[in-house]
């Protein structure tokens, strides 16, 4: 019985650890994916990236939840904050979300 309790405790700790390792927020990431789709559509129609989200009709807000920055004529990032000093960032060069701190 003691062994079963130990196994359950270890399993619980493993689950908690795995869940806390990812700072992804499904709602914020979905919002980011919508912004990315709009950026890509804007780029197709205009042959350039928007300078700001306002060019795409998205009201900019310092509180986010999603942020955009054009890095060059054909490179941009989209990000959202996860915890203090950390974020999930989409890079158009890699087309992937990555955790940054």
C-alpha atoms as a PDB file:
ATOM      1  CA  UNK A   1       0.000   0.000   0.000  1.00  0.00           C
ATOM      2  CA  UNK A   2       2.861   2.363   0.832  1.00  0.00           C
ATOM      3  CA  UNK A   3       4.375   1.683  -2.594  1.00  0.00           C
ATOM      4  CA  UNK A   4       1.087   2.589  -4.331  1.00  0.00           C
ATOM      5  CA  UNK A   5       0.960   5.872  -2.408  1.00  0.00           C
ATOM      6  CA  UNK A   6       4.518   6.682  -3.445  1.00  0.00           C
ATOM      7  CA  UNK A   7       3.716   5.907  -7.083  1.00  0.00           C
ATOM      8  CA  UNK A   8       0.633   8.112  -6.994  1.00  0.00           C
ATOM      9  CA  UNK A   9       2.631  10.940  -5.437  1.00  0.00           C
ATOM     10  CA  UNK A  10       5.341  10.649  -8.094  1.00  0.00           C
ATOM     11  CA  UNK A  11       2.741  10.528 -10.865  1.00  0.00           C
ATOM     12  CA  UNK A  12       1.030  13.637  -9.484  1.00  0.00           C
ATOM     13  CA  UNK A  13       4.358  15.492  -9.285  1.00  0.00           C
ATOM     14  CA  UNK A  14       5.169  14.486 -12.857  1.00  0.00           C
ATOM     15  CA  UNK A  15       1.814  15.749 -14.137  1.00  0.00           C
ATOM     16  CA  UNK A  16       2.141  19.051 -12.268  1.00  0.00           C
ATOM     17  CA  UNK A  17       5.694  19.509 -13.576  1.00  0.00           C
ATOM     18  CA  UNK A  18       4.715  18.799 -17.167  1.00  0.00           C
ATOM     19  CA  UNK A  19       1.730  21.136 -17.014  1.00  0.00           C
ATOM     20  CA  UNK A  20       3.736  23.972 -15.507  1.00  0.00           C
ATOM     21  CA  UNK A  21       6.570  23.663 -18.057  1.00  0.00           C
ATOM     22  CA  UNK A  22       4.509  25.185 -20.830  1.00  0.00           C
ATOM     23  CA  UNK A  23       3.512  28.805 -20.570  1.00  0.00           C
ATOM     24  CA  UNK A  24       1.266  28.593 -23.607  1.00  0.00           C
ATOM     25  CA  UNK A  25      -2.081  30.256 -23.179  1.00  0.00           C
ATOM     26  CA  UNK A  26      -4.515  28.760 -25.710  1.00  0.00           C
ATOM     27  CA  UNK A  27      -6.655  31.920 -25.854  1.00  0.00           C
ATOM     28  CA  UNK A  28      -3.716  34.253 -26.363  1.00  0.00           C
ATOM     29  CA  UNK A  29      -2.096  31.896 -28.847  1.00  0.00           C
ATOM     30  CA  UNK A  30      -5.370  31.689 -30.810  1.00  0.00           C
ATOM     31  CA  UNK A  31      -5.492  35.504 -30.847  1.00  0.00           C
ATOM     32  CA  UNK A  32      -1.888  35.486 -32.047  1.00  0.00           C
ATOM     33  CA  UNK A  33      -2.736  33.027 -34.818  1.00  0.00           C
ATOM     34  CA  UNK A  34      -5.554  35.333 -35.975  1.00  0.00           C
ATOM     35  CA  UNK A  35      -3.141  38.286 -36.067  1.00  0.00           C
ATOM     36  CA  UNK A  36      -0.600  36.186 -37.992  1.00  0.00           C
ATOM     37  CA  UNK A  37      -3.269  35.239 -40.554  1.00  0.00           C
ATOM     38  CA  UNK A  38      -4.192  38.913 -40.963  1.00  0.00           C
ATOM     39  CA  UNK A  39      -0.531  39.892 -41.370  1.00  0.00           C
ATOM     40  CA  UNK A  40      -0.018  37.226 -44.031  1.00  0.00           C
ATOM     41  CA  UNK A  41      -3.183  38.311 -45.866  1.00  0.00           C
ATOM     42  CA  UNK A  42      -2.091  41.968 -45.703  1.00  0.00           C
ATOM     43  CA  UNK A  43       1.311  40.958 -47.088  1.00  0.00           C
ATOM     44  CA  UNK A  44      -0.302  39.076 -50.004  1.00  0.00           C
ATOM     45  CA  UNK A  45      -2.593  41.990 -50.894  1.00  0.00           C
ATOM     46  CA  UNK A  46      -0.056  44.801 -50.456  1.00  0.00           C
ATOM     47  CA  UNK A  47       3.290  43.193 -51.188  1.00  0.00           C
ATOM     48  CA  UNK A  48       4.669  44.369 -47.858  1.00  0.00           C
ATOM     49  CA  UNK A  49       4.235  43.845 -44.143  1.00  0.00           C
ATOM     50  CA  UNK A  50       2.131  46.326 -42.191  1.00  0.00           C
ATOM     51  CA  UNK A  51       4.061  48.875 -40.148  1.00  0.00           C
ATOM     52  CA  UNK A  52       1.602  48.402 -37.281  1.00  0.00           C
ATOM     53  CA  UNK A  53      -1.524  46.400 -36.553  1.00  0.00           C
ATOM     54  CA  UNK A  54      -3.527  49.600 -37.046  1.00  0.00           C
ATOM     55  CA  UNK A  55      -2.891  49.274 -40.804  1.00  0.00           C
ATOM     56  CA  UNK A  56      -4.869  46.029 -40.652  1.00  0.00           C
ATOM     57  CA  UNK A  57      -7.724  47.610 -38.728  1.00  0.00           C
ATOM     58  CA  UNK A  58      -6.644  46.150 -35.374  1.00  0.00           C
ATOM     59  CA  UNK A  59      -6.790  48.686 -32.583  1.00  0.00           C
ATOM     60  CA  UNK A  60      -3.409  48.786 -30.861  1.00  0.00           C
ATOM     61  CA  UNK A  61      -3.442  48.552 -27.089  1.00  0.00           C
ATOM     62  CA  UNK A  62      -0.480  48.599 -24.721  1.00  0.00           C
ATOM     63  CA  UNK A  63      -2.136  45.893 -22.632  1.00  0.00           C
ATOM     64  CA  UNK A  64      -2.235  43.446 -25.556  1.00  0.00           C
ATOM     65  CA  UNK A  65      -3.023  40.634 -25.306  1.00  0.00           C
ATOM     66  CA  UNK A  66      -0.961  40.118 -28.501  1.00  0.00           C
ATOM     67  CA  UNK A  67       1.777  42.319 -29.876  1.00  0.00           C
ATOM     68  CA  UNK A  68       3.313  42.701 -33.357  1.00  0.00           C
ATOM     69  CA  UNK A  69       6.643  44.080 -34.524  1.00  0.00           C
ATOM     70  CA  UNK A  70       7.934  44.327 -38.069  1.00  0.00           C
ATOM     71  CA  UNK A  71      11.638  43.499 -37.935  1.00  0.00           C
ATOM     72  CA  UNK A  72      12.404  44.076 -41.638  1.00  0.00           C
ATOM     73  CA  UNK A  73      10.574  44.212 -44.956  1.00  0.00           C
ATOM     74  CA  UNK A  74       9.886  40.470 -44.856  1.00  0.00           C
ATOM     75  CA  UNK A  75      10.365  39.466 -41.203  1.00  0.00           C
ATOM     76  CA  UNK A  76       8.114  40.006 -38.178  1.00  0.00           C
ATOM     77  CA  UNK A  77       7.369  38.681 -34.727  1.00  0.00           C
ATOM     78  CA  UNK A  78       4.126  38.307 -32.792  1.00  0.00           C
ATOM     79  CA  UNK A  79       4.190  37.695 -29.051  1.00  0.00           C
ATOM     80  CA  UNK A  80       2.173  37.571 -25.873  1.00  0.00           C
ATOM     81  CA  UNK A  81       3.215  37.702 -22.240  1.00  0.00           C
ATOM     82  CA  UNK A  82       2.946  34.575 -20.141  1.00  0.00           C
ATOM     83  CA  UNK A  83       4.424  35.492 -16.770  1.00  0.00           C
ATOM     84  CA  UNK A  84       6.474  38.436 -15.572  1.00  0.00           C
ATOM     85  CA  UNK A  85       9.427  38.806 -17.932  1.00  0.00           C
ATOM     86  CA  UNK A  86       8.482  35.819 -20.104  1.00  0.00           C
ATOM     87  CA  UNK A  87       6.628  35.482 -23.379  1.00  0.00           C
ATOM     88  CA  UNK A  88       5.679  33.154 -26.196  1.00  0.00           C
ATOM     89  CA  UNK A  89       6.969  34.555 -29.489  1.00  0.00           C
ATOM     90  CA  UNK A  90       6.089  33.641 -33.062  1.00  0.00           C
ATOM     91  CA  UNK A  91       8.897  34.322 -35.520  1.00  0.00           C
ATOM     92  CA  UNK A  92       7.933  34.571 -39.190  1.00  0.00           C
ATOM     93  CA  UNK A  93      11.387  33.304 -40.195  1.00  0.00           C
ATOM     94  CA  UNK A  94      10.875  29.953 -38.436  1.00  0.00           C
ATOM     95  CA  UNK A  95       7.066  29.971 -38.462  1.00  0.00           C
ATOM     96  CA  UNK A  96       7.083  28.608 -34.909  1.00  0.00           C
ATOM     97  CA  UNK A  97       6.094  29.719 -31.419  1.00  0.00           C
ATOM     98  CA  UNK A  98       8.953  29.674 -28.893  1.00  0.00           C
ATOM     99  CA  UNK A  99       9.212  30.495 -25.220  1.00  0.00           C
ATOM    100  CA  UNK A 100      11.396  33.511 -24.362  1.00  0.00           C
ATOM    101  CA  UNK A 101      12.563  34.841 -21.023  1.00  0.00           C
END
